[in-house]
C-alpha atoms as a PDB file:
ATOM      1  CA  MET A   1      -2.348  23.164   1.778  1.00  0.00           C
ATOM      2  CA  GLY A   2       0.636  20.875   1.260  1.00  0.00           C
ATOM      3  CA  PRO A   3       1.671  18.843  -1.793  1.00  0.00           C
ATOM      4  CA  LYS A   4      -0.895  16.699  -3.577  1.00  0.00           C
ATOM      5  CA  VAL A   5      -1.225  13.047  -2.534  1.00  0.00           C
ATOM      6  CA  SER A   6      -2.650  10.554  -5.030  1.00  0.00           C
ATOM      7  CA  ILE A   7      -4.506   7.670  -3.350  1.00  0.00           C
ATOM      8  CA  ILE A   8      -4.479   4.636  -5.656  1.00  0.00           C
ATOM      9  CA  ILE A   9      -7.235   2.056  -5.090  1.00  0.00           C
ATOM     10  CA  PRO A  10      -6.844  -1.111  -7.197  1.00  0.00           C
ATOM     11  CA  PHE A  11     -10.222  -2.848  -7.480  1.00  0.00           C
ATOM     12  CA  TYR A  12     -11.168  -6.342  -8.625  1.00  0.00           C
ATOM     13  CA  ASN A  13     -14.530  -7.883  -7.695  1.00  0.00           C
ATOM     14  CA  CYS A  14     -14.346  -6.577  -4.128  1.00  0.00           C
ATOM     15  CA  ALA A  15     -17.470  -6.114  -1.997  1.00  0.00           C
ATOM     16  CA  TYR A  16     -15.769  -3.572   0.282  1.00  0.00           C
ATOM     17  CA  VAL A  17     -14.643  -1.063  -2.357  1.00  0.00           C
ATOM     18  CA  ASP A  18     -17.243   1.530  -1.318  1.00  0.00           C
ATOM     19  CA  GLN A  19     -15.828   1.590   2.225  1.00  0.00           C
ATOM     20  CA  ALA A  20     -12.308   2.067   0.863  1.00  0.00           C
ATOM     21  CA  ILE A  21     -13.362   4.946  -1.402  1.00  0.00           C
ATOM     22  CA  GLN A  22     -15.413   6.585   1.351  1.00  0.00           C
ATOM     23  CA  SER A  23     -12.412   6.499   3.685  1.00  0.00           C
ATOM     24  CA  ALA A  24     -10.326   8.251   1.027  1.00  0.00           C
ATOM     25  CA  VAL A  25     -13.034  10.877   0.496  1.00  0.00           C
ATOM     26  CA  ASN A  26     -13.172  11.428   4.280  1.00  0.00           C
ATOM     27  CA  GLN A  27      -9.491  12.397   4.588  1.00  0.00           C
ATOM     28  CA  THR A  28      -8.831  15.573   6.583  1.00  0.00           C
ATOM     29  CA  TYR A  29      -5.905  16.273   4.228  1.00  0.00           C
ATOM     30  CA  LYS A  30      -7.666  17.992   1.347  1.00  0.00           C
ATOM     31  CA  ASN A  31      -5.037  18.171  -1.395  1.00  0.00           C
ATOM     32  CA  ILE A  32      -5.667  14.656  -2.634  1.00  0.00           C
ATOM     33  CA  GLU A  33      -6.852  12.863  -5.721  1.00  0.00           C
ATOM     34  CA  ILE A  34      -8.473   9.430  -5.601  1.00  0.00           C
ATOM     35  CA  ILE A  35      -7.705   7.085  -8.481  1.00  0.00           C
ATOM     36  CA  VAL A  36      -9.748   3.869  -8.626  1.00  0.00           C
ATOM     37  CA  VAL A  37      -8.288   1.355 -11.085  1.00  0.00           C
ATOM     38  CA  ASP A  38     -10.856  -1.288 -12.027  1.00  0.00           C
ATOM     39  CA  ASP A  39      -8.809  -4.345 -12.994  1.00  0.00           C
ATOM     40  CA  GLY A  40     -11.518  -5.878 -15.199  1.00  0.00           C
ATOM     41  CA  SER A  41     -14.127  -6.424 -12.467  1.00  0.00           C
ATOM     42  CA  THR A  42     -17.329  -8.316 -13.281  1.00  0.00           C
ATOM     43  CA  ILE A  43     -19.171  -7.732  -9.979  1.00  0.00           C
ATOM     44  CA  PHE A  44     -19.561  -4.958  -7.373  1.00  0.00           C
ATOM     45  CA  THR A  45     -18.855  -2.207  -9.910  1.00  0.00           C
ATOM     46  CA  GLU A  46     -22.140  -0.560  -8.896  1.00  0.00           C
ATOM     47  CA  LYS A  47     -20.546   0.266  -5.529  1.00  0.00           C
ATOM     48  CA  ILE A  48     -18.260   2.741  -7.315  1.00  0.00           C
ATOM     49  CA  MET A  49     -21.033   4.672  -9.055  1.00  0.00           C
ATOM     50  CA  PRO A  50     -21.993   6.996  -6.135  1.00  0.00           C
ATOM     51  CA  PHE A  51     -18.386   8.264  -5.987  1.00  0.00           C
ATOM     52  CA  LYS A  52     -17.853   8.997  -9.681  1.00  0.00           C
ATOM     53  CA  GLU A  53     -17.687  12.769  -9.098  1.00  0.00           C
ATOM     54  CA  ASN A  54     -15.048  12.358  -6.357  1.00  0.00           C
ATOM     55  CA  ILE A  55     -12.678   9.983  -8.122  1.00  0.00           C
ATOM     56  CA  HIS A  56     -10.666   9.432 -11.266  1.00  0.00           C
ATOM     57  CA  TYR A  57     -11.975   6.075 -12.513  1.00  0.00           C
ATOM     58  CA  ILE A  58      -9.853   3.924 -14.827  1.00  0.00           C
ATOM     59  CA  ARG A  59     -10.992   0.572 -16.185  1.00  0.00           C
ATOM     60  CA  LYS A  60      -8.520  -1.898 -17.695  1.00  0.00           C
ATOM     61  CA  GLU A  61      -8.285  -5.554 -18.618  1.00  0.00           C
ATOM     62  CA  ASN A  62      -7.509  -7.885 -15.739  1.00  0.00           C
ATOM     63  CA  GLY A  63      -3.783  -8.136 -15.138  1.00  0.00           C
ATOM     64  CA  GLY A  64      -3.299  -8.341 -11.387  1.00  0.00           C
ATOM     65  CA  THR A  65      -2.758  -5.851  -8.591  1.00  0.00           C
ATOM     66  CA  ALA A  66       0.735  -4.810  -9.702  1.00  0.00           C
ATOM     67  CA  THR A  67      -0.553  -3.743 -13.127  1.00  0.00           C
ATOM     68  CA  ALA A  68      -3.465  -1.890 -11.543  1.00  0.00           C
ATOM     69  CA  LEU A  69      -1.152  -0.032  -9.168  1.00  0.00           C
ATOM     70  CA  ASN A  70       1.205   0.842 -12.010  1.00  0.00           C
ATOM     71  CA  THR A  71      -1.696   2.156 -14.102  1.00  0.00           C
ATOM     72  CA  GLY A  72      -2.782   4.353 -11.195  1.00  0.00           C
ATOM     73  CA  ILE A  73       0.723   5.644 -10.519  1.00  0.00           C
ATOM     74  CA  HIS A  74       1.228   6.538 -14.192  1.00  0.00           C
ATOM     75  CA  ALA A  75      -2.064   8.484 -14.130  1.00  0.00           C
ATOM     76  CA  ALA A  76      -1.344  10.194 -10.805  1.00  0.00           C
ATOM     77  CA  THR A  77      -0.712  13.938 -10.733  1.00  0.00           C
ATOM     78  CA  GLY A  78       0.273  14.013  -7.048  1.00  0.00           C
ATOM     79  CA  GLU A  79       3.795  14.424  -5.726  1.00  0.00           C
ATOM     80  CA  TYR A  80       3.150  11.560  -3.298  1.00  0.00           C
ATOM     81  CA  ILE A  81       1.496   8.150  -3.729  1.00  0.00           C
ATOM     82  CA  ALA A  82      -0.618   6.287  -1.167  1.00  0.00           C
ATOM     83  CA  TRP A  83      -1.922   2.786  -1.870  1.00  0.00           C
ATOM     84  CA  LEU A  84      -5.254   1.589  -0.491  1.00  0.00           C
ATOM     85  CA  SER A  85      -6.537  -1.920  -1.207  1.00  0.00           C
ATOM     86  CA  SER A  86     -10.239  -2.025  -2.026  1.00  0.00           C
ATOM     87  CA  ASP A  87     -10.982  -4.219   0.999  1.00  0.00           C
ATOM     88  CA  ASP A  88      -9.156  -2.011   3.513  1.00  0.00           C
ATOM     89  CA  TYR A  89      -9.780   1.539   4.688  1.00  0.00           C
ATOM     90  CA  PHE A  90      -7.943   4.595   5.999  1.00  0.00           C
ATOM     91  CA  LEU A  91      -8.695   6.478   9.200  1.00  0.00           C
ATOM     92  CA  PRO A  92      -9.634  10.118   8.490  1.00  0.00           C
ATOM     93  CA  GLU A  93      -6.325  11.529   9.783  1.00  0.00           C
ATOM     94  CA  LYS A  94      -4.173   9.042   7.839  1.00  0.00           C
ATOM     95  CA  ILE A  95      -2.771  11.354   5.177  1.00  0.00           C
ATOM     96  CA  THR A  96      -2.555  14.417   7.455  1.00  0.00           C
ATOM     97  CA  LYS A  97      -0.582  12.636  10.177  1.00  0.00           C
ATOM     98  CA  GLN A  98       1.683  10.661   7.884  1.00  0.00           C
ATOM     99  CA  MET A  99       2.562  13.624   5.676  1.00  0.00           C
ATOM    100  CA  SER A 100       3.383  15.701   8.755  1.00  0.00           C
ATOM    101  CA  PHE A 101       5.611  12.878  10.004  1.00  0.00           C
ATOM    102  CA  MET A 102       7.368  12.694   6.636  1.00  0.00           C
ATOM    103  CA  PHE A 103       8.005  16.442   6.508  1.00  0.00           C
ATOM    104  CA  ASN A 104       9.408  16.422  10.041  1.00  0.00           C
ATOM    105  CA  ASN A 105      11.779  13.569   9.170  1.00  0.00           C
ATOM    106  CA  HIS A 106      12.610  14.695   5.615  1.00  0.00           C
ATOM    107  CA  ALA A 107      11.359  11.266   4.508  1.00  0.00           C
ATOM    108  CA  GLU A 108      10.674  10.219   0.934  1.00  0.00           C
ATOM    109  CA  ALA A 109       8.968   6.999   2.031  1.00  0.00           C
ATOM    110  CA  SER A 110       7.146   5.887   5.168  1.00  0.00           C
ATOM    111  CA  PHE A 111       4.836   3.239   6.603  1.00  0.00           C
ATOM    112  CA  THR A 112       2.714   2.874   9.741  1.00  0.00           C
ATOM    113  CA  ASN A 113       1.067   0.304  11.936  1.00  0.00           C
ATOM    114  CA  TYR A 114      -2.461  -1.016  11.343  1.00  0.00           C
ATOM    115  CA  ASP A 115      -5.374  -2.871  12.903  1.00  0.00           C
ATOM    116  CA  TYR A 116      -6.371  -6.323  11.643  1.00  0.00           C
ATOM    117  CA  ILE A 117     -10.166  -6.392  11.137  1.00  0.00           C
ATOM    118  CA  ASN A 118     -12.839  -8.805   9.942  1.00  0.00           C
ATOM    119  CA  ASP A 119     -15.659  -8.483   7.421  1.00  0.00           C
ATOM    120  CA  LYS A 120     -17.789  -6.628   9.994  1.00  0.00           C
ATOM    121  CA  ASN A 121     -15.054  -4.019  10.691  1.00  0.00           C
ATOM    122  CA  GLU A 122     -14.425  -5.546  14.118  1.00  0.00           C
ATOM    123  CA  VAL A 123     -10.816  -5.348  15.296  1.00  0.00           C
ATOM    124  CA  LEU A 124      -9.311  -8.810  15.652  1.00  0.00           C
ATOM    125  CA  ILE A 125      -5.739  -7.709  16.406  1.00  0.00           C
ATOM    126  CA  PRO A 126      -5.060  -4.080  17.342  1.00  0.00           C
ATOM    127  CA  HIS A 127      -1.689  -2.577  16.416  1.00  0.00           C
ATOM    128  CA  CYS A 128      -1.016  -5.741  14.423  1.00  0.00           C
ATOM    129  CA  GLY A 129       2.345  -4.859  12.910  1.00  0.00           C
ATOM    130  CA  GLN A 130       5.744  -4.905  14.557  1.00  0.00           C
ATOM    131  CA  SER A 131       7.004  -1.587  15.947  1.00  0.00           C
ATOM    132  CA  PHE A 132      10.421  -0.137  15.066  1.00  0.00           C
ATOM    133  CA  SER A 133      12.492   2.568  16.715  1.00  0.00           C
ATOM    134  CA  ASN A 134      14.949   3.139  13.856  1.00  0.00           C
ATOM    135  CA  ILE A 135      15.723   2.202  10.254  1.00  0.00           C
ATOM    136  CA  ASN A 136      18.250  -0.426  11.326  1.00  0.00           C
ATOM    137  CA  GLU A 137      15.445  -2.378  12.987  1.00  0.00           C
ATOM    138  CA  VAL A 138      13.475  -2.201   9.734  1.00  0.00           C
ATOM    139  CA  TYR A 139      16.422  -3.696   7.857  1.00  0.00           C
ATOM    140  CA  LYS A 140      16.700  -6.486  10.411  1.00  0.00           C
ATOM    141  CA  GLY A 141      12.973  -7.158  10.199  1.00  0.00           C
ATOM    142  CA  PHE A 142      13.249  -7.841   6.480  1.00  0.00           C
ATOM    143  CA  LEU A 143      15.692 -10.637   7.226  1.00  0.00           C
ATOM    144  CA  SER A 144      12.711 -12.491   8.745  1.00  0.00           C
ATOM    145  CA  TYR A 145       9.525 -11.396   6.953  1.00  0.00           C
ATOM    146  CA  ASN A 146       7.728  -8.558   5.146  1.00  0.00           C
ATOM    147  CA  VAL A 147       7.406  -5.925   7.864  1.00  0.00           C
ATOM    148  CA  ILE A 148       5.584  -3.365   5.676  1.00  0.00           C
ATOM    149  CA  ASN A 149       1.858  -3.518   5.023  1.00  0.00           C
ATOM    150  CA  GLY A 150       1.555  -1.974   1.564  1.00  0.00           C
ATOM    151  CA  CYS A 151      -1.616  -0.082   2.417  1.00  0.00           C
ATOM    152  CA  THR A 152       0.196   1.875   5.120  1.00  0.00           C
ATOM    153  CA  VAL A 153       2.817   3.406   2.830  1.00  0.00           C
ATOM    154  CA  ILE A 154       3.194   6.884   1.386  1.00  0.00           C
ATOM    155  CA  LEU A 155       5.975   7.337  -1.163  1.00  0.00           C
ATOM    156  CA  LYS A 156       7.221  10.181  -3.318  1.00  0.00           C
ATOM    157  CA  LYS A 157       6.100   9.498  -6.872  1.00  0.00           C
ATOM    158  CA  ASN A 158       9.549  10.183  -8.265  1.00  0.00           C
ATOM    159  CA  ILE A 159      10.808   7.067  -6.458  1.00  0.00           C
ATOM    160  CA  PHE A 160       8.927   4.952  -9.009  1.00  0.00           C
ATOM    161  CA  GLU A 161      10.305   7.053 -11.848  1.00  0.00           C
ATOM    162  CA  LYS A 162      13.836   6.389 -10.577  1.00  0.00           C
ATOM    163  CA  MET A 163      13.506   2.791  -9.363  1.00  0.00           C
ATOM    164  CA  GLY A 164      10.832   1.347 -11.625  1.00  0.00           C
ATOM    165  CA  TYR A 165       7.278   0.262 -10.925  1.00  0.00           C
ATOM    166  CA  PHE A 166       5.757  -2.814  -9.268  1.00  0.00           C
ATOM    167  CA  ASN A 167       6.886  -6.007 -10.996  1.00  0.00           C
ATOM    168  CA  PRO A 168       3.849  -7.941 -12.361  1.00  0.00           C
ATOM    169  CA  PHE A 169       5.916 -11.148 -12.350  1.00  0.00           C
ATOM    170  CA  TYR A 170       5.257 -11.262  -8.600  1.00  0.00           C
ATOM    171  CA  ARG A 171       1.476 -11.481  -8.791  1.00  0.00           C
ATOM    172  CA  TYR A 172       0.971 -11.802  -5.021  1.00  0.00           C
ATOM    173  CA  THR A 173       4.152 -10.335  -3.518  1.00  0.00           C
ATOM    174  CA  HIS A 174       4.934  -7.373  -5.801  1.00  0.00           C
ATOM    175  CA  ASP A 175       4.962  -5.099  -2.744  1.00  0.00           C
ATOM    176  CA  TYR A 176       7.508  -7.268  -0.905  1.00  0.00           C
ATOM    177  CA  GLU A 177       9.850  -7.099  -3.893  1.00  0.00           C
ATOM    178  CA  MET A 178       9.425  -3.328  -4.140  1.00  0.00           C
ATOM    179  CA  TRP A 179      10.318  -2.669  -0.490  1.00  0.00           C
ATOM    180  CA  PHE A 180      13.439  -4.808  -0.815  1.00  0.00           C
ATOM    181  CA  ARG A 181      14.356  -3.038  -4.059  1.00  0.00           C
ATOM    182  CA  LEU A 182      14.117   0.359  -2.390  1.00  0.00           C
ATOM    183  CA  LEU A 183      16.000  -0.625   0.746  1.00  0.00           C
ATOM    184  CA  VAL A 184      18.951  -2.201  -1.079  1.00  0.00           C
ATOM    185  CA  SER A 185      19.117   0.912  -3.292  1.00  0.00           C
ATOM    186  CA  GLY A 186      19.668   3.097  -0.238  1.00  0.00           C
ATOM    187  CA  TYR A 187      16.150   4.432   0.325  1.00  0.00           C
ATOM    188  CA  LYS A 188      15.158   4.689   3.971  1.00  0.00           C
ATOM    189  CA  ILE A 189      11.535   3.758   4.650  1.00  0.00           C
ATOM    190  CA  TYR A 190      10.607   5.511   7.896  1.00  0.00           C
ATOM    191  CA  TYR A 191       8.194   4.006  10.418  1.00  0.00           C
ATOM    192  CA  LEU A 192       5.412   5.960  12.149  1.00  0.00           C
ATOM    193  CA  ASP A 193       4.146   4.077  15.213  1.00  0.00           C
ATOM    194  CA  GLU A 194       0.451   4.862  14.773  1.00  0.00           C
ATOM    195  CA  VAL A 195      -2.513   2.863  13.519  1.00  0.00           C
ATOM    196  CA  LEU A 196      -3.840   4.769  10.493  1.00  0.00           C
ATOM    197  CA  THR A 197      -5.129   1.874   8.346  1.00  0.00           C
ATOM    198  CA  LYS A 198      -7.570  -0.974   8.891  1.00  0.00           C
ATOM    199  CA  PHE A 199      -6.418  -4.160   7.156  1.00  0.00           C
ATOM    200  CA  ARG A 200      -9.228  -6.635   6.470  1.00  0.00           C
ATOM    201  CA  THR A 201      -9.281 -10.419   6.443  1.00  0.00           C
ATOM    202  CA  HIS A 202     -12.149 -12.169   4.667  1.00  0.00           C
ATOM    203  CA  GLU A 203     -12.816 -15.330   2.658  1.00  0.00           C
ATOM    204  CA  GLU A 204     -11.958 -13.755  -0.702  1.00  0.00           C
ATOM    205  CA  ALA A 205      -8.759 -12.020   0.451  1.00  0.00           C
ATOM    206  CA  GLY A 206      -5.721 -12.884  -1.621  1.00  0.00           C
ATOM    207  CA  THR A 207      -3.647 -13.451   1.502  1.00  0.00           C
ATOM    208  CA  GLN A 208      -6.103 -16.213   2.414  1.00  0.00           C
ATOM    209  CA  LYS A 209      -6.571 -17.824  -1.014  1.00  0.00           C
ATOM    210  CA  TYR A 210      -3.056 -17.865  -2.452  1.00  0.00           C
ATOM    211  CA  GLN A 211      -0.700 -18.839   0.366  1.00  0.00           C
ATOM    212  CA  PRO A 212       1.275 -21.490  -1.601  1.00  0.00           C
ATOM    213  CA  GLU A 213       1.839 -19.093  -4.508  1.00  0.00           C
ATOM    214  CA  MET A 214       2.844 -16.311  -2.133  1.00  0.00           C
ATOM    215  CA  LYS A 215       5.389 -18.508  -0.350  1.00  0.00           C
ATOM    216  CA  GLN A 216       6.955 -19.558  -3.643  1.00  0.00           C
ATOM    217  CA  GLU A 217       7.335 -15.951  -4.783  1.00  0.00           C
ATOM    218  CA  MET A 218       8.667 -14.841  -1.406  1.00  0.00           C
ATOM    219  CA  LEU A 219      11.400 -17.472  -1.541  1.00  0.00           C
ATOM    220  CA  ILE A 220      12.645 -16.119  -4.884  1.00  0.00           C
ATOM    221  CA  ILE A 221      12.625 -12.547  -3.563  1.00  0.00           C
ATOM    222  CA  GLU A 222      14.335 -13.364  -0.282  1.00  0.00           C
ATOM    223  CA  ASN A 223      17.088 -15.456  -1.902  1.00  0.00           C
ATOM    224  CA  HIS A 224      17.921 -12.533  -4.160  1.00  0.00           C
ATOM    225  CA  TYR A 225      17.621  -9.539  -1.837  1.00  0.00           C
ATOM    226  CA  ARG A 226      18.525 -10.656   1.669  1.00  0.00           C
ATOM    227  CA  PRO A 227      22.249 -11.081   0.943  1.00  0.00           C
ATOM    228  CA  LEU A 228      22.219  -7.547  -0.530  1.00  0.00           C
ATOM    229  CA  LEU A 229      20.353  -6.115   2.437  1.00  0.00           C
ATOM    230  CA  SER A 230      22.795  -7.449   5.016  1.00  0.00           C
ATOM    231  CA  GLN A 231      25.374  -4.794   4.081  1.00  0.00           C
ATOM    232  CA  PHE A 232      23.049  -2.055   5.389  1.00  0.00           C
ATOM    233  CA  ILE A 233      22.657  -3.569   8.860  1.00  0.00           C
ATOM    234  CA  LYS A 234      24.756  -2.082  11.607  1.00  0.00           C
END
């Protein structure tokens, strides 16, 4: 059956949460648990109700995505963690293919490519992310921008126990800081060149609404980590 994978879905007032949960339920990899962390939502909570028997539902006060992810990770009983934003969705073979890839490469952490879609699930940019042929190219990519879409990752849970959890100080770029933290600590994050996630753009998306705040946080992260990362580049 394979080790258990905990899929963490942070949710805050998102109209697409039912599609995200359904995509987790539809996974061909059966040893999973689905943890939906409601970060103090005031609307769209009714979209979760039909899935109550298939998920572990946690409601908390609003604190941001990092706190919701951390709550889900703490509650997770799986050996591996996958993160799925409530406005995105997984393809059915996502966990099966990525776990197989990780076993074959003895990887503790991995990410994949993704399609960029709109509110109608239409693909705007296929295979949207950059492709990499080795870990050195991943290191180099981080000298320019965040090459990892957080909703494409699968990580061993014990990584968080060793390295700490997502930092809530970075309200919009907590994932960027985490990937840097892992890389400069010697963790290799392997790349699988397949589209297994659909990443959605829409009017309420944080990446659309909070660009100035994101850029400010990214500057702090990059100034700290990029000099440390350079020592890993061959």
